[in-house]
N, C-alpha and C. Protein backbone atom coordinates (compact mmCIF):
# COMPACT_ATOMS: atom_id res chain seq x y z
N MET A 1 0.79 -1.44 -0.05
CA MET A 1 0.20 -0.10 0.01
C MET A 1 0.76 1.15 -0.01
N LYS A 2 2.08 1.14 0.88
CA LYS A 2 3.01 2.62 0.64
C LYS A 2 3.60 2.82 -0.66
N ARG A 3 3.93 1.76 -1.30
CA ARG A 3 4.59 1.72 -2.85
C ARG A 3 3.66 2.38 -3.62
N LEU A 4 2.24 1.72 -3.48
CA LEU A 4 1.22 2.46 -4.44
C LEU A 4 0.87 4.02 -4.26
N LYS A 5 0.92 4.27 -2.80
CA LYS A 5 0.98 5.89 -2.25
C LYS A 5 1.95 6.41 -2.96
N GLY A 6 3.20 5.88 -2.91
CA GLY A 6 4.44 6.78 -3.46
C GLY A 6 4.37 7.09 -4.91
N ILE A 7 3.96 6.05 -5.66
CA ILE A 7 3.54 5.99 -7.24
C ILE A 7 2.61 7.14 -7.52
N LEU A 8 1.44 7.17 -6.58
CA LEU A 8 0.52 8.08 -6.99
C LEU A 8 1.14 9.49 -6.72
N SER A 9 1.75 9.48 -5.72
CA SER A 9 2.10 10.92 -5.44
C SER A 9 3.21 11.69 -6.37
N ARG A 10 3.92 10.51 -7.10
CA ARG A 10 4.78 11.15 -8.24
C ARG A 10 4.07 11.25 -9.50
N THR A 11 3.16 10.84 -9.77
CA THR A 11 2.46 10.99 -11.08
C THR A 11 1.99 12.27 -11.37
N TRP A 12 2.04 12.65 -12.88
CA TRP A 12 1.81 13.91 -13.26
C TRP A 12 0.21 14.16 -12.99
N ILE A 13 -0.73 13.36 -13.03
CA ILE A 13 -1.95 13.49 -12.63
C ILE A 13 -2.33 13.97 -11.39
N THR A 14 -1.61 13.54 -10.13
CA THR A 14 -1.83 14.04 -8.80
C THR A 14 -0.84 15.61 -8.97
N LYS A 15 0.07 15.62 -9.62
CA LYS A 15 0.66 17.07 -9.39
C LYS A 15 -0.11 18.07 -10.36
N PHE A 16 -1.03 17.61 -11.58
CA PHE A 16 -2.02 18.33 -12.06
C PHE A 16 -3.15 18.87 -11.12
N LEU A 17 -3.65 17.47 -10.70
CA LEU A 17 -4.75 18.18 -9.60
C LEU A 17 -4.39 18.80 -8.55
N LYS A 18 -3.27 18.94 -7.96
CA LYS A 18 -2.59 19.66 -6.76
C LYS A 18 -2.68 21.19 -7.29
N ASN A 19 -2.21 21.34 -8.73
CA ASN A 19 -2.03 22.48 -9.13
C ASN A 19 -3.33 23.04 -9.61
N LEU A 20 -4.34 22.47 -10.02
CA LEU A 20 -5.77 22.93 -10.34
C LEU A 20 -6.40 23.53 -8.88
N LEU A 21 -5.94 22.87 -7.92
CA LEU A 21 -6.87 23.55 -6.66
C LEU A 21 -5.90 24.57 -6.36
N LEU A 22 -4.94 24.98 -6.72
CA LEU A 22 -4.35 26.22 -6.23
C LEU A 22 -4.50 27.41 -7.18
N ILE A 23 -5.43 27.18 -8.17
CA ILE A 23 -5.50 28.45 -9.17
C ILE A 23 -6.03 29.92 -8.42
N ASP A 24 -5.34 30.69 -8.80
CA ASP A 24 -5.66 31.98 -8.00
C ASP A 24 -6.96 32.55 -8.53
N GLN A 25 -7.47 33.88 -8.28
CA GLN A 25 -8.92 34.15 -8.68
C GLN A 25 -8.73 35.13 -10.00
N GLU A 26 -7.59 35.24 -10.27
CA GLU A 26 -7.41 36.02 -11.61
C GLU A 26 -7.17 34.96 -12.57
N THR A 27 -6.75 34.15 -12.78
CA THR A 27 -6.91 32.89 -13.68
C THR A 27 -8.30 32.15 -13.78
N LEU A 28 -8.85 32.30 -12.32
CA LEU A 28 -9.97 31.73 -12.51
C LEU A 28 -11.11 32.41 -13.22
N LYS A 29 -11.00 33.70 -13.16
CA LYS A 29 -11.70 34.93 -13.96
C LYS A 29 -11.60 34.68 -15.48
N ALA A 30 -10.62 34.66 -15.66
CA ALA A 30 -10.03 34.53 -17.04
C ALA A 30 -10.48 33.27 -17.75
N ILE A 31 -10.45 32.19 -16.68
CA ILE A 31 -11.17 30.71 -17.40
C ILE A 31 -12.49 30.92 -17.72
N GLY A 32 -13.19 31.60 -16.41
CA GLY A 32 -14.80 31.80 -16.70
C GLY A 32 -15.18 32.85 -17.75
N GLU A 33 -14.47 33.87 -18.44
CA GLU A 33 -14.78 34.54 -19.15
C GLU A 33 -14.38 34.07 -20.48
N ASP A 34 -13.52 33.28 -20.47
CA ASP A 34 -13.32 32.24 -21.98
C ASP A 34 -14.28 31.21 -22.03
N MET A 35 -14.81 30.53 -20.90
CA MET A 35 -16.09 29.66 -21.26
C MET A 35 -17.21 30.40 -21.40
N ARG A 36 -17.37 31.60 -20.92
CA ARG A 36 -18.42 32.26 -21.42
C ARG A 36 -18.63 32.59 -23.14
N ALA A 37 -17.38 32.81 -23.35
CA ALA A 37 -17.19 33.35 -24.82
C ALA A 37 -17.52 32.32 -25.93
N ILE A 38 -16.76 31.11 -25.25
CA ILE A 38 -16.95 29.59 -25.92
C ILE A 38 -18.24 29.22 -26.24
N GLY A 39 -19.20 29.64 -24.88
CA GLY A 39 -20.54 29.31 -25.05
C GLY A 39 -21.41 30.21 -25.40
N LYS A 40 -21.00 31.55 -25.91
CA LYS A 40 -21.72 32.31 -26.54
C LYS A 40 -21.84 31.87 -28.03
N THR A 41 -20.66 31.45 -28.30
CA THR A 41 -20.36 31.40 -30.00
C THR A 41 -21.05 29.86 -30.25
N ALA A 42 -21.11 29.15 -29.17
CA ALA A 42 -21.90 27.77 -29.56
C ALA A 42 -23.23 27.67 -29.43
N ILE A 43 -23.48 28.65 -28.86
CA ILE A 43 -25.09 29.28 -28.76
C ILE A 43 -25.39 29.72 -30.09
N GLY A 44 -24.71 30.66 -30.35
CA GLY A 44 -24.79 31.25 -31.98
C GLY A 44 -24.94 30.43 -33.05
N VAL A 45 -24.04 29.25 -33.03
CA VAL A 45 -23.82 28.33 -34.25
C VAL A 45 -25.03 27.36 -34.01
N GLY A 46 -25.40 27.03 -32.90
CA GLY A 46 -26.43 26.14 -32.67
C GLY A 46 -27.83 26.98 -33.47
N LEU A 47 -27.92 28.00 -32.80
CA LEU A 47 -29.09 29.03 -33.52
C LEU A 47 -28.85 29.25 -35.05
N VAL A 48 -28.07 29.49 -35.74
CA VAL A 48 -27.69 29.43 -37.20
C VAL A 48 -28.18 27.99 -37.49
N ALA A 49 -27.41 27.13 -37.08
CA ALA A 49 -27.72 25.55 -37.86
C ALA A 49 -29.16 25.39 -37.59
N LEU A 50 -29.80 25.75 -36.33
CA LEU A 50 -31.17 25.52 -36.44
C LEU A 50 -32.10 26.32 -37.40
N ILE A 51 -31.88 27.57 -37.81
CA ILE A 51 -32.48 28.45 -38.51
C ILE A 51 -32.35 27.90 -40.05
N VAL A 52 -31.11 27.77 -40.51
CA VAL A 52 -30.62 27.44 -41.89
C VAL A 52 -30.33 25.76 -41.83
N SER A 53 -31.47 25.14 -41.89
CA SER A 53 -31.39 23.94 -41.93
C SER A 53 -30.93 23.26 -43.67
N GLY A 54 -30.12 22.53 -43.04
CA GLY A 54 -29.27 21.90 -44.43
C GLY A 54 -28.88 20.61 -44.36
N ASP A 55 -28.36 19.89 -45.29
CA ASP A 55 -28.05 18.57 -45.39
C ASP A 55 -26.72 18.24 -44.48
N THR A 56 -26.16 19.06 -44.15
CA THR A 56 -24.63 18.85 -43.50
C THR A 56 -24.83 18.94 -41.90
N ILE A 57 -25.97 19.26 -41.39
CA ILE A 57 -26.41 19.06 -39.86
C ILE A 57 -27.77 19.10 -39.72
N SER A 58 -28.02 18.25 -38.68
CA SER A 58 -29.40 17.99 -38.49
C SER A 58 -30.05 18.62 -37.49
N ASN A 59 -31.31 18.74 -37.21
CA ASN A 59 -31.69 19.87 -36.22
C ASN A 59 -31.42 18.97 -34.82
N GLY A 60 -31.07 17.90 -34.72
CA GLY A 60 -30.74 17.19 -33.44
C GLY A 60 -29.23 17.69 -32.97
N GLU A 61 -28.60 17.77 -34.18
CA GLU A 61 -27.18 18.33 -33.74
C GLU A 61 -27.28 19.46 -33.42
N ALA A 62 -27.94 20.41 -34.25
CA ALA A 62 -27.99 21.70 -34.14
C ALA A 62 -28.50 22.21 -32.55
N LEU A 63 -29.43 21.26 -32.26
CA LEU A 63 -29.98 21.47 -30.76
C LEU A 63 -29.14 21.08 -29.76
N LEU A 64 -28.29 20.18 -29.99
CA LEU A 64 -27.20 19.80 -29.12
C LEU A 64 -26.04 20.41 -28.91
N VAL A 65 -25.65 21.30 -29.97
CA VAL A 65 -24.50 22.27 -30.02
C VAL A 65 -25.48 23.56 -29.24
N PHE A 66 -26.77 23.81 -29.45
CA PHE A 66 -27.16 25.01 -28.71
C PHE A 66 -27.38 24.77 -27.15
N VAL A 67 -27.89 23.36 -26.70
CA VAL A 67 -27.83 23.14 -25.46
C VAL A 67 -26.38 22.87 -24.65
N ALA A 68 -25.23 22.62 -25.44
CA ALA A 68 -24.09 22.63 -25.07
C ALA A 68 -23.56 24.14 -24.44
N GLY A 69 -23.82 24.93 -25.61
CA GLY A 69 -23.54 26.28 -25.56
C GLY A 69 -23.91 26.90 -24.07
N LEU A 70 -25.03 26.55 -24.03
CA LEU A 70 -25.90 27.16 -22.97
C LEU A 70 -25.44 26.64 -21.23
N VAL A 71 -25.02 25.43 -21.42
CA VAL A 71 -24.28 24.84 -20.50
C VAL A 71 -22.92 25.34 -19.91
N VAL A 72 -21.94 25.39 -20.90
CA VAL A 72 -20.84 26.10 -21.02
C VAL A 72 -20.68 27.61 -20.49
N TRP A 73 -21.70 28.30 -21.26
CA TRP A 73 -21.91 29.36 -20.76
C TRP A 73 -22.15 29.65 -19.45
N PHE A 74 -23.34 29.16 -18.71
CA PHE A 74 -23.79 28.95 -17.30
C PHE A 74 -22.56 28.88 -16.63
N TYR A 75 -21.86 27.67 -16.95
CA TYR A 75 -20.62 27.26 -16.18
C TYR A 75 -19.71 28.68 -16.14
N GLY A 76 -19.48 28.94 -17.27
CA GLY A 76 -18.56 30.30 -17.25
C GLY A 76 -19.29 31.28 -16.43
N ILE A 77 -20.39 31.71 -16.11
CA ILE A 77 -21.02 32.52 -15.20
C ILE A 77 -20.90 32.22 -13.82
N LEU A 78 -20.99 30.84 -13.44
CA LEU A 78 -20.88 30.25 -12.17
C LEU A 78 -19.47 30.51 -11.58
N ILE A 79 -18.24 30.24 -12.76
CA ILE A 79 -16.67 30.29 -12.32
C ILE A 79 -16.48 31.93 -12.19
N THR A 80 -17.15 32.63 -13.12
CA THR A 80 -16.65 34.06 -12.83
C THR A 80 -17.50 34.47 -11.53
N ARG A 81 -18.64 34.08 -11.14
CA ARG A 81 -19.04 34.62 -9.90
C ARG A 81 -18.49 33.98 -8.71
N THR A 82 -17.92 32.97 -8.87
CA THR A 82 -16.88 32.23 -7.91
C THR A 82 -15.73 33.10 -7.50
N SER A 83 -15.18 33.65 -8.58
CA SER A 83 -13.90 34.09 -8.46
C SER A 83 -13.85 35.56 -8.01
N ASN A 84 -15.21 36.31 -8.33
CA ASN A 84 -15.34 37.57 -7.89
C ASN A 84 -15.89 37.54 -6.19
N ALA A 85 -16.12 36.52 -6.01
CA ALA A 85 -16.74 36.27 -4.31
C ALA A 85 -15.63 36.34 -3.35
């Protein structure tokens, strides 16, 4: 068991997770703003795809992109709010 803990403590995944928990507020705010921008773009793409129905993207796929954009945009708002608190 000690050997497994020693291996896990030296892996890049563990180091990444430890550094992820140490993100400062400015970085978190920038991530939130980027997520909001990505979400707005996905929402726009989904709306355009719903309106301009063609054979390259179905209405189900357009709706999926739209909903995914809403989710990413909402998480960006939550992250920005958390960084401002």
